[in-house]
Structure formats: C-alpha cells, structure tokens
Amino acid sequence: MSGSDPTIRLLLVDDERDFLHALEPGLARRGFDVTLAETGMAALDILAQEEFDAVVLDVKMPGLDGVDTFREIKRMAPDLPVVLLTGHGNIQQAFETSREGVYEYLTKPCDMEEIARVVRSAATRGRLKRETPRRVEDEIHLLLVDDDVAFVRSLTPALERRGIRVSEAHDGGNALEVMQDHAFQVALVDVVMEGMDGLTLLGRMNEIDPFLEVIILTGNPQVGDVRRGLKEGAFDYLTKPQPVDFLVEVICAAREQGRRRREAAREEEVKRIVSKRPE
C-alpha cells in the first residue's frame, strides 16, 4: 500500500479473542486502521458511532450470529462492504448471503494476504461507489450464460456489487433471445450446456454482434476446445472457478478491447465515406 493511498478503516468482528489479537497487528502492518469487536451487538454499537470502509465478520458467534449481524449492518449502512469469515463452510448459506449483498465469503484458516487483498478490494469498490458518479458510457452490461443455476445465482450479485450490470441466460437459445432485446459489451459463456454448447453459441453471438467480446468458461478444459474458441474470436478461455476480482479484471479488459474495435470500425467507415466523395 503506497503512502498516497487513503487508510482503510476496518471493523473486525469475531468472538475468538486470540484470533482477533493475532490478526490485528498483521493487518495494521499492511496499512489498515483496525477496530475490534467480540460480539455482533458490540459491532452494531460501534457502527452506530463511527464510519468504516469495510467489515470482516465471523459467522459463528454466540448471541447475535454473523449472518444476522450482517443483515443489520446492511440495514444501517447499505453500501458498507461486508466480508464473512467462517471456519464452518456452508455453501447454501454462502449463496443466500451473497444474494443479500455479502462482498466475499472466506473460509478459516485464511491467509493474511488473502484477507488483506479482499478487504482492500472491498473498501476500494465501496469508496468508488460512494464518491464516483457513474456515467452511462462507463457501465458494463454483461450477458452471463450458464445452465448451472446455483453458479449463476452466486456470481451475478458478486459481479453487480463490483459495478457490472448482469443479465442471465440459462441456455444458448435463451441467450440469443436476450441479445435481440439488449445490447451487451461482454458475454461470459459456459462451454458445456444442454442443447447448444458454448462454442456453437459463440459463433451465433458473433453473427448478431461482431463486436461483442465473449469470455469462455469451462470446468473441464480441453485443448481442442480452447483452440476452437480462440480461433472463433473468444476474448479469453478460463477454467472454473476463478476469483471474482480476477473475473472483473478480465471483463473490464474485454470491454475495453470491444470499445477499441468499435471505434476503429467507425473510423474506417468514415474514411470509406470520405474516399467516395467527389473532389
């Protein structure tokens, strides 16, 4: 963290006192201003009096547990990013809280650098959301195509919390229908789907919008599929799962490439029109 970066005020909530006091100095050395709370109620009392950039909150606590504390935090400060931290991973709970606005869900034991990275990303996104008016031209409208409903329902809110507008489709035919009604800069497409597979869909998408940047996702990469996807114009070919922040970086890079290709095409069209004018 450079000296010019603003200090991130972090509220760290966990009923394990030893864990709190072990984590605090490591985060402080990484540039965080850390406040500690050992219960959900104590955290809410602190939040009623002070402002923070992010909260790291343990799920399993006596009394008011982490999920209920999180929901109360969202009522008090809807834009405050919350990271849930647990030693008892529960996939269904992760899906539910993700839809309700949890920024990230980390499992104990968690590497100090991973916690710092996620909190810094959450705090930065929260500040940008509060301080930067969004321009229409800056928006990314993403088409997410995957027949794994649980995957889509967990990924969509995570992307939207990072400023990406998401439309969903659960098969290739549905995706093509959605494209008839909406304009997208980027599509995130699974390879293996019932009916039309993702690589076939890639070609159909390019016919509808040659400037759409398509990122292919797969849980079982095959060299032949990778070559075919890239040959047919995929922006990138990624394996599942990927960290959400990395996906956002790839999506933003794809949007930028599509923007440059559209601008280049417009310039070529202007040149063509000008060249046909009589002297």
C-alpha atoms as a PDB file:
ATOM      1  CA  MET A   1       0.000   0.000   0.000  1.00  0.00           C
ATOM      2  CA  SER A   2       1.616   3.276  -1.059  1.00  0.00           C
ATOM      3  CA  GLY A   3       1.835   6.325   1.157  1.00  0.00           C
ATOM      4  CA  SER A   4      -0.592   8.186  -1.090  1.00  0.00           C
ATOM      5  CA  ASP A   5      -3.364   5.603  -0.579  1.00  0.00           C
ATOM      6  CA  PRO A   6      -6.027   6.503   1.997  1.00  0.00           C
ATOM      7  CA  THR A   7      -6.016   4.471   5.209  1.00  0.00           C
ATOM      8  CA  ILE A   8      -8.712   1.789   5.197  1.00  0.00           C
ATOM      9  CA  ARG A   9     -10.813   1.737   8.363  1.00  0.00           C
ATOM     10  CA  LEU A  10     -11.704  -1.871   9.091  1.00  0.00           C
ATOM     11  CA  LEU A  11     -14.070  -3.278  11.715  1.00  0.00           C
ATOM     12  CA  LEU A  12     -13.012  -6.834  12.604  1.00  0.00           C
ATOM     13  CA  VAL A  13     -15.673  -8.875  14.429  1.00  0.00           C
ATOM     14  CA  ASP A  14     -15.061 -12.302  15.984  1.00  0.00           C
ATOM     15  CA  ASP A  15     -15.832 -13.897  19.351  1.00  0.00           C
ATOM     16  CA  GLU A  16     -12.389 -15.598  19.358  1.00  0.00           C
ATOM     17  CA  ARG A  17     -10.250 -13.050  21.198  1.00  0.00           C
ATOM     18  CA  ASP A  18      -6.970 -14.799  20.356  1.00  0.00           C
ATOM     19  CA  PHE A  19      -7.866 -14.752  16.664  1.00  0.00           C
ATOM     20  CA  LEU A  20      -8.667 -11.027  16.789  1.00  0.00           C
ATOM     21  CA  HIS A  21      -5.435 -10.105  18.501  1.00  0.00           C
ATOM     22  CA  ALA A  22      -3.397 -12.315  16.181  1.00  0.00           C
ATOM     23  CA  LEU A  23      -4.947 -10.770  13.071  1.00  0.00           C
ATOM     24  CA  GLU A  24      -4.919  -7.115  14.136  1.00  0.00           C
ATOM     25  CA  PRO A  25      -1.130  -6.418  14.044  1.00  0.00           C
ATOM     26  CA  GLY A  26      -0.720  -8.146  10.665  1.00  0.00           C
ATOM     27  CA  LEU A  27      -3.475  -6.037   9.127  1.00  0.00           C
ATOM     28  CA  ALA A  28      -2.135  -2.892  10.810  1.00  0.00           C
ATOM     29  CA  ARG A  29       1.299  -3.523   9.246  1.00  0.00           C
ATOM     30  CA  ARG A  30      -0.459  -3.701   5.887  1.00  0.00           C
ATOM     31  CA  GLY A  31      -1.923  -0.228   6.322  1.00  0.00           C
ATOM     32  CA  PHE A  32      -5.314  -0.899   7.888  1.00  0.00           C
ATOM     33  CA  ASP A  33      -6.770   1.039  10.802  1.00  0.00           C
ATOM     34  CA  VAL A  34      -8.385  -1.851  12.693  1.00  0.00           C
ATOM     35  CA  THR A  35     -11.144  -1.681  15.313  1.00  0.00           C
ATOM     36  CA  LEU A  36     -12.072  -4.893  17.147  1.00  0.00           C
ATOM     37  CA  ALA A  37     -15.439  -6.201  18.345  1.00  0.00           C
ATOM     38  CA  GLU A  38     -16.087  -9.554  20.044  1.00  0.00           C
ATOM     39  CA  THR A  39     -19.869  -9.745  19.531  1.00  0.00           C
ATOM     40  CA  GLY A  40     -22.405  -8.788  16.911  1.00  0.00           C
ATOM     41  CA  MET A  41     -24.104  -6.324  19.254  1.00  0.00           C
ATOM     42  CA  ALA A  42     -20.769  -4.650  20.053  1.00  0.00           C
ATOM     43  CA  ALA A  43     -20.126  -4.286  16.323  1.00  0.00           C
ATOM     44  CA  LEU A  44     -23.513  -2.647  15.744  1.00  0.00           C
ATOM     45  CA  ASP A  45     -22.914  -0.242  18.647  1.00  0.00           C
ATOM     46  CA  ILE A  46     -19.557   0.771  17.142  1.00  0.00           C
ATOM     47  CA  LEU A  47     -21.062   1.201  13.670  1.00  0.00           C
ATOM     48  CA  ALA A  48     -23.729   3.487  15.105  1.00  0.00           C
ATOM     49  CA  GLN A  49     -20.989   5.866  16.239  1.00  0.00           C
ATOM     50  CA  GLU A  50     -18.158   5.509  13.719  1.00  0.00           C
ATOM     51  CA  GLU A  51     -17.661   5.153   9.970  1.00  0.00           C
ATOM     52  CA  PHE A  52     -15.717   2.311   8.361  1.00  0.00           C
ATOM     53  CA  ASP A  53     -14.639   1.302   4.873  1.00  0.00           C
ATOM     54  CA  ALA A  54     -15.226  -2.443   5.369  1.00  0.00           C
ATOM     55  CA  VAL A  55     -16.261  -5.071   7.913  1.00  0.00           C
ATOM     56  CA  VAL A  56     -14.812  -8.561   8.343  1.00  0.00           C
ATOM     57  CA  LEU A  57     -17.369 -10.583  10.274  1.00  0.00           C
ATOM     58  CA  ASP A  58     -17.218 -14.115  11.680  1.00  0.00           C
ATOM     59  CA  VAL A  59     -20.341 -16.166  11.002  1.00  0.00           C
ATOM     60  CA  LYS A  60     -20.478 -18.379  14.085  1.00  0.00           C
ATOM     61  CA  MET A  61     -20.802 -16.214  17.220  1.00  0.00           C
ATOM     62  CA  PRO A  62     -22.932 -16.603  20.354  1.00  0.00           C
ATOM     63  CA  GLY A  63     -25.983 -14.386  20.708  1.00  0.00           C
ATOM     64  CA  LEU A  64     -26.389 -12.383  17.511  1.00  0.00           C
ATOM     65  CA  ASP A  65     -24.624 -14.531  14.926  1.00  0.00           C
ATOM     66  CA  GLY A  66     -22.697 -13.248  11.936  1.00  0.00           C
ATOM     67  CA  VAL A  67     -25.479 -13.616   9.366  1.00  0.00           C
ATOM     68  CA  ASP A  68     -27.994 -11.681  11.475  1.00  0.00           C
ATOM     69  CA  THR A  69     -25.337  -9.085  12.284  1.00  0.00           C
ATOM     70  CA  PHE A  70     -24.606  -8.745   8.569  1.00  0.00           C
ATOM     71  CA  ARG A  71     -28.282  -8.190   7.794  1.00  0.00           C
ATOM     72  CA  GLU A  72     -28.499  -5.485  10.444  1.00  0.00           C
ATOM     73  CA  ILE A  73     -25.349  -3.824   9.056  1.00  0.00           C
ATOM     74  CA  LYS A  74     -26.938  -3.753   5.589  1.00  0.00           C
ATOM     75  CA  ARG A  75     -29.969  -2.038   7.093  1.00  0.00           C
ATOM     76  CA  MET A  76     -27.794   0.562   8.864  1.00  0.00           C
ATOM     77  CA  ALA A  77     -25.256   1.124   6.056  1.00  0.00           C
ATOM     78  CA  PRO A  78     -26.357  -0.442   2.741  1.00  0.00           C
ATOM     79  CA  ASP A  79     -23.162   0.492   0.878  1.00  0.00           C
ATOM     80  CA  LEU A  80     -20.711  -0.732   3.544  1.00  0.00           C
ATOM     81  CA  PRO A  81     -18.952  -3.837   2.166  1.00  0.00           C
ATOM     82  CA  VAL A  82     -19.022  -6.871   4.461  1.00  0.00           C
ATOM     83  CA  VAL A  83     -16.750  -9.920   4.211  1.00  0.00           C
ATOM     84  CA  LEU A  84     -17.998 -13.030   6.015  1.00  0.00           C
ATOM     85  CA  LEU A  85     -15.341 -15.216   7.596  1.00  0.00           C
ATOM     86  CA  THR A  86     -16.080 -18.726   8.886  1.00  0.00           C
ATOM     87  CA  GLY A  87     -14.463 -21.937   9.951  1.00  0.00           C
ATOM     88  CA  HIS A  88     -17.640 -23.809   9.125  1.00  0.00           C
ATOM     89  CA  GLY A  89     -18.139 -23.533   5.365  1.00  0.00           C
ATOM     90  CA  ASN A  90     -21.779 -23.745   4.277  1.00  0.00           C
ATOM     91  CA  ILE A  91     -22.310 -23.474   0.519  1.00  0.00           C
ATOM     92  CA  GLN A  92     -26.063 -22.849   0.728  1.00  0.00           C
ATOM     93  CA  GLN A  93     -25.524 -20.110   3.304  1.00  0.00           C
ATOM     94  CA  ALA A  94     -22.841 -18.591   1.078  1.00  0.00           C
ATOM     95  CA  PHE A  95     -25.274 -18.472  -1.860  1.00  0.00           C
ATOM     96  CA  GLU A  96     -28.012 -16.892   0.259  1.00  0.00           C
ATOM     97  CA  THR A  97     -25.847 -14.210   1.833  1.00  0.00           C
ATOM     98  CA  SER A  98     -24.173 -13.485  -1.498  1.00  0.00           C
ATOM     99  CA  ARG A  99     -27.587 -12.649  -2.964  1.00  0.00           C
ATOM    100  CA  GLU A 100     -28.210 -10.368   0.016  1.00  0.00           C
ATOM    101  CA  GLY A 101     -25.042  -8.370  -0.572  1.00  0.00           C
ATOM    102  CA  VAL A 102     -22.053 -10.018   1.132  1.00  0.00           C
ATOM    103  CA  TYR A 103     -18.949  -8.818  -0.719  1.00  0.00           C
ATOM    104  CA  GLU A 104     -16.979 -12.037  -0.255  1.00  0.00           C
ATOM    105  CA  TYR A 105     -17.147 -15.253   1.753  1.00  0.00           C
ATOM    106  CA  LEU A 106     -13.809 -16.564   3.106  1.00  0.00           C
ATOM    107  CA  THR A 107     -13.148 -19.795   4.992  1.00  0.00           C
ATOM    108  CA  LYS A 108     -10.878 -20.095   8.021  1.00  0.00           C
ATOM    109  CA  PRO A 109      -7.984 -20.586   8.230  1.00  0.00           C
ATOM    110  CA  CYS A 110      -7.424 -17.793   5.752  1.00  0.00           C
ATOM    111  CA  ASP A 111      -4.080 -16.420   4.639  1.00  0.00           C
ATOM    112  CA  MET A 112      -3.346 -12.904   5.925  1.00  0.00           C
ATOM    113  CA  GLU A 113      -2.536 -11.678   2.422  1.00  0.00           C
ATOM    114  CA  GLU A 114      -5.836 -13.036   1.113  1.00  0.00           C
ATOM    115  CA  ILE A 115      -7.803 -11.222   3.813  1.00  0.00           C
ATOM    116  CA  ALA A 116      -5.886  -8.001   3.129  1.00  0.00           C
ATOM    117  CA  ARG A 117      -6.445  -8.313  -0.634  1.00  0.00           C
ATOM    118  CA  VAL A 118     -10.171  -8.929  -0.324  1.00  0.00           C
ATOM    119  CA  VAL A 119     -10.692  -6.147   2.242  1.00  0.00           C
ATOM    120  CA  ARG A 120      -8.685  -3.665   0.191  1.00  0.00           C
ATOM    121  CA  SER A 121     -10.704  -4.552  -2.914  1.00  0.00           C
ATOM    122  CA  ALA A 122     -13.992  -4.263  -0.988  1.00  0.00           C
ATOM    123  CA  ALA A 123     -13.054  -0.916   0.538  1.00  0.00           C
ATOM    124  CA  THR A 124     -11.887   0.490  -2.799  1.00  0.00           C
ATOM    125  CA  ARG A 125     -15.077  -0.603  -4.532  1.00  0.00           C
ATOM    126  CA  GLY A 126     -17.184   0.862  -1.726  1.00  0.00           C
ATOM    127  CA  ARG A 127     -15.409   4.218  -1.916  1.00  0.00           C
ATOM    128  CA  LEU A 128     -15.707   4.364  -5.681  1.00  0.00           C
ATOM    129  CA  LYS A 129     -19.405   3.583  -5.438  1.00  0.00           C
ATOM    130  CA  ARG A 130     -19.925   6.380  -2.905  1.00  0.00           C
ATOM    131  CA  GLU A 131     -17.671   9.000  -4.484  1.00  0.00           C
ATOM    132  CA  THR A 132     -17.782   8.496  -8.246  1.00  0.00           C
ATOM    133  CA  PRO A 133     -20.913   9.336 -10.234  1.00  0.00           C
ATOM    134  CA  ARG A 134     -21.432   6.559 -12.750  1.00  0.00           C
ATOM    135  CA  ARG A 135     -21.507   7.624 -16.381  1.00  0.00           C
ATOM    136  CA  VAL A 136     -23.605   5.649 -18.825  1.00  0.00           C
ATOM    137  CA  GLU A 137     -20.608   5.099 -21.081  1.00  0.00           C
ATOM    138  CA  ASP A 138     -18.665   3.553 -18.178  1.00  0.00           C
ATOM    139  CA  GLU A 139     -21.250   0.870 -17.499  1.00  0.00           C
ATOM    140  CA  ILE A 140     -20.608  -2.721 -18.466  1.00  0.00           C
ATOM    141  CA  HIS A 141     -23.648  -4.775 -19.384  1.00  0.00           C
ATOM    142  CA  LEU A 142     -22.678  -8.450 -19.189  1.00  0.00           C
ATOM    143  CA  LEU A 143     -24.598 -11.449 -20.501  1.00  0.00           C
ATOM    144  CA  LEU A 144     -23.934 -14.444 -18.219  1.00  0.00           C
ATOM    145  CA  VAL A 145     -24.820 -17.752 -19.884  1.00  0.00           C
ATOM    146  CA  ASP A 146     -24.657 -20.955 -17.832  1.00  0.00           C
ATOM    147  CA  ASP A 147     -27.113 -23.777 -17.108  1.00  0.00           C
ATOM    148  CA  ASP A 148     -25.743 -24.147 -13.562  1.00  0.00           C
ATOM    149  CA  VAL A 149     -28.379 -22.064 -11.756  1.00  0.00           C
ATOM    150  CA  ALA A 150     -26.570 -22.115  -8.405  1.00  0.00           C
ATOM    151  CA  PHE A 151     -23.385 -20.828 -10.043  1.00  0.00           C
ATOM    152  CA  VAL A 152     -25.261 -18.023 -11.800  1.00  0.00           C
ATOM    153  CA  ARG A 153     -27.128 -17.006  -8.652  1.00  0.00           C
ATOM    154  CA  SER A 154     -23.885 -16.768  -6.681  1.00  0.00           C
ATOM    155  CA  LEU A 155     -21.843 -14.986  -9.374  1.00  0.00           C
ATOM    156  CA  THR A 156     -24.430 -12.419 -10.504  1.00  0.00           C
ATOM    157  CA  PRO A 157     -24.692 -10.462  -7.221  1.00  0.00           C
ATOM    158  CA  ALA A 158     -20.919 -10.616  -6.712  1.00  0.00           C
ATOM    159  CA  LEU A 159     -20.376  -9.015 -10.139  1.00  0.00           C
ATOM    160  CA  GLU A 160     -23.141  -6.452  -9.613  1.00  0.00           C
ATOM    161  CA  ARG A 161     -21.584  -5.354  -6.318  1.00  0.00           C
ATOM    162  CA  ARG A 162     -18.473  -4.594  -8.354  1.00  0.00           C
ATOM    163  CA  GLY A 163     -20.390  -2.316 -10.713  1.00  0.00           C
ATOM    164  CA  ILE A 164     -21.220  -4.705 -13.569  1.00  0.00           C
ATOM    165  CA  ARG A 165     -24.828  -4.936 -14.756  1.00  0.00           C
ATOM    166  CA  VAL A 166     -25.710  -8.579 -15.404  1.00  0.00           C
ATOM    167  CA  SER A 167     -28.399 -10.247 -17.498  1.00  0.00           C
ATOM    168  CA  GLU A 168     -28.751 -14.024 -17.169  1.00  0.00           C
ATOM    169  CA  ALA A 169     -29.498 -16.799 -19.637  1.00  0.00           C
ATOM    170  CA  HIS A 170     -29.529 -20.499 -18.826  1.00  0.00           C
ATOM    171  CA  ASP A 171     -29.056 -21.970 -22.300  1.00  0.00           C
ATOM    172  CA  GLY A 172     -27.881 -20.935 -25.751  1.00  0.00           C
ATOM    173  CA  GLY A 173     -31.324 -20.357 -27.217  1.00  0.00           C
ATOM    174  CA  ASN A 174     -32.323 -18.134 -24.303  1.00  0.00           C
ATOM    175  CA  ALA A 175     -29.076 -16.183 -24.682  1.00  0.00           C
ATOM    176  CA  LEU A 176     -29.791 -15.431 -28.343  1.00  0.00           C
ATOM    177  CA  GLU A 177     -33.302 -14.275 -27.445  1.00  0.00           C
ATOM    178  CA  VAL A 178     -31.946 -11.930 -24.767  1.00  0.00           C
ATOM    179  CA  MET A 179     -29.460 -10.492 -27.278  1.00  0.00           C
ATOM    180  CA  GLN A 180     -32.335  -9.455 -29.529  1.00  0.00           C
ATOM    181  CA  ASP A 181     -33.655  -7.116 -26.828  1.00  0.00           C
ATOM    182  CA  HIS A 182     -30.493  -5.835 -25.141  1.00  0.00           C
ATOM    183  CA  ALA A 183     -27.034  -4.579 -26.099  1.00  0.00           C
ATOM    184  CA  PHE A 184     -24.065  -6.122 -24.296  1.00  0.00           C
ATOM    185  CA  GLN A 185     -20.371  -5.297 -24.275  1.00  0.00           C
ATOM    186  CA  VAL A 186     -19.235  -8.653 -22.867  1.00  0.00           C
ATOM    187  CA  ALA A 187     -20.628 -12.177 -22.515  1.00  0.00           C
ATOM    188  CA  LEU A 188     -19.446 -14.851 -20.072  1.00  0.00           C
ATOM    189  CA  VAL A 189     -20.379 -18.239 -21.559  1.00  0.00           C
ATOM    190  CA  ASP A 190     -20.070 -21.778 -20.181  1.00  0.00           C
ATOM    191  CA  VAL A 191     -18.888 -24.423 -22.639  1.00  0.00           C
ATOM    192  CA  VAL A 192     -20.924 -27.438 -21.519  1.00  0.00           C
ATOM    193  CA  MET A 193     -24.668 -26.762 -21.665  1.00  0.00           C
ATOM    194  CA  GLU A 194     -27.638 -28.847 -22.736  1.00  0.00           C
ATOM    195  CA  GLY A 195     -28.688 -28.201 -26.309  1.00  0.00           C
ATOM    196  CA  MET A 196     -26.408 -25.598 -27.840  1.00  0.00           C
ATOM    197  CA  ASP A 197     -22.887 -25.729 -26.396  1.00  0.00           C
ATOM    198  CA  GLY A 198     -20.913 -22.599 -25.584  1.00  0.00           C
ATOM    199  CA  LEU A 199     -18.585 -22.750 -28.603  1.00  0.00           C
ATOM    200  CA  THR A 200     -21.505 -23.033 -31.026  1.00  0.00           C
ATOM    201  CA  LEU A 201     -23.184 -20.168 -29.175  1.00  0.00           C
ATOM    202  CA  LEU A 202     -20.001 -18.103 -29.587  1.00  0.00           C
ATOM    203  CA  GLY A 203     -20.347 -18.276 -33.371  1.00  0.00           C
ATOM    204  CA  ARG A 204     -24.044 -17.368 -33.266  1.00  0.00           C
ATOM    205  CA  MET A 205     -23.341 -14.424 -30.970  1.00  0.00           C
ATOM    206  CA  ASN A 206     -20.681 -13.116 -33.337  1.00  0.00           C
ATOM    207  CA  GLU A 207     -23.233 -13.170 -36.165  1.00  0.00           C
ATOM    208  CA  ILE A 208     -25.609 -10.984 -34.143  1.00  0.00           C
ATOM    209  CA  ASP A 209     -22.953  -8.602 -32.763  1.00  0.00           C
ATOM    210  CA  PRO A 210     -19.407  -8.948 -34.155  1.00  0.00           C
ATOM    211  CA  PHE A 211     -18.124  -6.501 -31.523  1.00  0.00           C
ATOM    212  CA  LEU A 212     -19.372  -8.478 -28.537  1.00  0.00           C
ATOM    213  CA  GLU A 213     -16.412  -9.805 -26.538  1.00  0.00           C
ATOM    214  CA  VAL A 214     -17.050 -13.368 -25.371  1.00  0.00           C
ATOM    215  CA  ILE A 215     -15.214 -14.967 -22.453  1.00  0.00           C
ATOM    216  CA  ILE A 216     -15.493 -18.754 -22.375  1.00  0.00           C
ATOM    217  CA  LEU A 217     -15.760 -20.595 -19.033  1.00  0.00           C
ATOM    218  CA  THR A 218     -15.241 -24.315 -18.528  1.00  0.00           C
ATOM    219  CA  GLY A 219     -14.884 -26.721 -15.644  1.00  0.00           C
ATOM    220  CA  ASN A 220     -13.040 -29.244 -17.837  1.00  0.00           C
ATOM    221  CA  PRO A 221     -10.673 -27.545 -20.304  1.00  0.00           C
ATOM    222  CA  GLN A 222      -9.836 -29.414 -23.500  1.00  0.00           C
ATOM    223  CA  VAL A 223      -7.007 -28.258 -25.764  1.00  0.00           C
ATOM    224  CA  GLY A 224      -9.167 -28.647 -28.864  1.00  0.00           C
ATOM    225  CA  ASP A 225     -11.949 -26.561 -27.365  1.00  0.00           C
ATOM    226  CA  VAL A 226      -9.508 -23.845 -26.319  1.00  0.00           C
ATOM    227  CA  ARG A 227      -8.058 -23.621 -29.809  1.00  0.00           C
ATOM    228  CA  ARG A 228     -11.502 -23.589 -31.414  1.00  0.00           C
ATOM    229  CA  GLY A 229     -12.781 -20.907 -29.045  1.00  0.00           C
ATOM    230  CA  LEU A 230      -9.831 -18.596 -29.571  1.00  0.00           C
ATOM    231  CA  LYS A 231      -9.881 -19.220 -33.332  1.00  0.00           C
ATOM    232  CA  GLU A 232     -13.542 -18.224 -33.456  1.00  0.00           C
ATOM    233  CA  GLY A 233     -12.842 -14.967 -31.648  1.00  0.00           C
ATOM    234  CA  ALA A 234     -13.245 -15.616 -27.914  1.00  0.00           C
ATOM    235  CA  PHE A 235     -11.567 -12.910 -25.865  1.00  0.00           C
ATOM    236  CA  ASP A 236     -10.316 -15.435 -23.307  1.00  0.00           C
ATOM    237  CA  TYR A 237     -10.813 -19.025 -22.181  1.00  0.00           C
ATOM    238  CA  LEU A 238     -10.950 -19.518 -18.404  1.00  0.00           C
ATOM    239  CA  THR A 239     -11.359 -22.514 -16.124  1.00  0.00           C
ATOM    240  CA  LYS A 240     -13.886 -22.618 -13.272  1.00  0.00           C
ATOM    241  CA  PRO A 241     -13.750 -21.424 -10.596  1.00  0.00           C
ATOM    242  CA  GLN A 242     -11.980 -18.060 -10.795  1.00  0.00           C
ATOM    243  CA  PRO A 243     -11.757 -15.362  -8.077  1.00  0.00           C
ATOM    244  CA  VAL A 244     -14.454 -12.765  -8.664  1.00  0.00           C
ATOM    245  CA  ASP A 245     -11.977  -9.877  -8.703  1.00  0.00           C
ATOM    246  CA  PHE A 246      -9.926 -11.620 -11.393  1.00  0.00           C
ATOM    247  CA  LEU A 247     -13.084 -12.172 -13.455  1.00  0.00           C
ATOM    248  CA  VAL A 248     -13.871  -8.471 -13.136  1.00  0.00           C
ATOM    249  CA  GLU A 249     -10.400  -7.586 -14.437  1.00  0.00           C
ATOM    250  CA  VAL A 250     -10.875  -9.845 -17.472  1.00  0.00           C
ATOM    251  CA  ILE A 251     -14.376  -8.489 -18.106  1.00  0.00           C
ATOM    252  CA  CYS A 252     -13.100  -4.894 -17.977  1.00  0.00           C
ATOM    253  CA  ALA A 253     -10.247  -5.733 -20.339  1.00  0.00           C
ATOM    254  CA  ALA A 254     -12.713  -7.381 -22.728  1.00  0.00           C
ATOM    255  CA  ARG A 255     -14.986  -4.336 -22.629  1.00  0.00           C
ATOM    256  CA  GLU A 256     -12.009  -2.096 -23.440  1.00  0.00           C
ATOM    257  CA  GLN A 257     -10.983  -4.265 -26.409  1.00  0.00           C
ATOM    258  CA  GLY A 258     -14.540  -4.219 -27.744  1.00  0.00           C
ATOM    259  CA  ARG A 259     -14.670  -0.435 -27.381  1.00  0.00           C
ATOM    260  CA  ARG A 260     -11.425  -0.059 -29.354  1.00  0.00           C
ATOM    261  CA  ARG A 261     -12.681  -2.379 -32.095  1.00  0.00           C
ATOM    262  CA  ARG A 262     -15.935  -0.433 -32.412  1.00  0.00           C
ATOM    263  CA  GLU A 263     -14.053   2.880 -32.617  1.00  0.00           C
ATOM    264  CA  ALA A 264     -11.686   1.500 -35.244  1.00  0.00           C
ATOM    265  CA  ALA A 265     -14.643   0.261 -37.306  1.00  0.00           C
ATOM    266  CA  ARG A 266     -16.325   3.680 -37.106  1.00  0.00           C
ATOM    267  CA  GLU A 267     -13.126   5.396 -38.236  1.00  0.00           C
ATOM    268  CA  GLU A 268     -12.800   3.022 -41.179  1.00  0.00           C
ATOM    269  CA  GLU A 269     -16.413   3.691 -42.151  1.00  0.00           C
ATOM    270  CA  VAL A 270     -15.797   7.450 -42.063  1.00  0.00           C
ATOM    271  CA  LYS A 271     -12.711   7.038 -44.252  1.00  0.00           C
ATOM    272  CA  ARG A 272     -14.666   4.912 -46.704  1.00  0.00           C
ATOM    273  CA  ILE A 273     -17.422   7.512 -46.964  1.00  0.00           C
ATOM    274  CA  VAL A 274     -14.947  10.373 -47.369  1.00  0.00           C
ATOM    275  CA  SER A 275     -12.983   8.491 -50.045  1.00  0.00           C
ATOM    276  CA  LYS A 276     -16.147   8.172 -52.168  1.00  0.00           C
ATOM    277  CA  ARG A 277     -16.889  11.879 -52.174  1.00  0.00           C
ATOM    278  CA  PRO A 278     -16.074  13.686 -55.414  1.00  0.00           C
ATOM    279  CA  GLU A 279     -13.199  16.197 -55.281  1.00  0.00           C
END
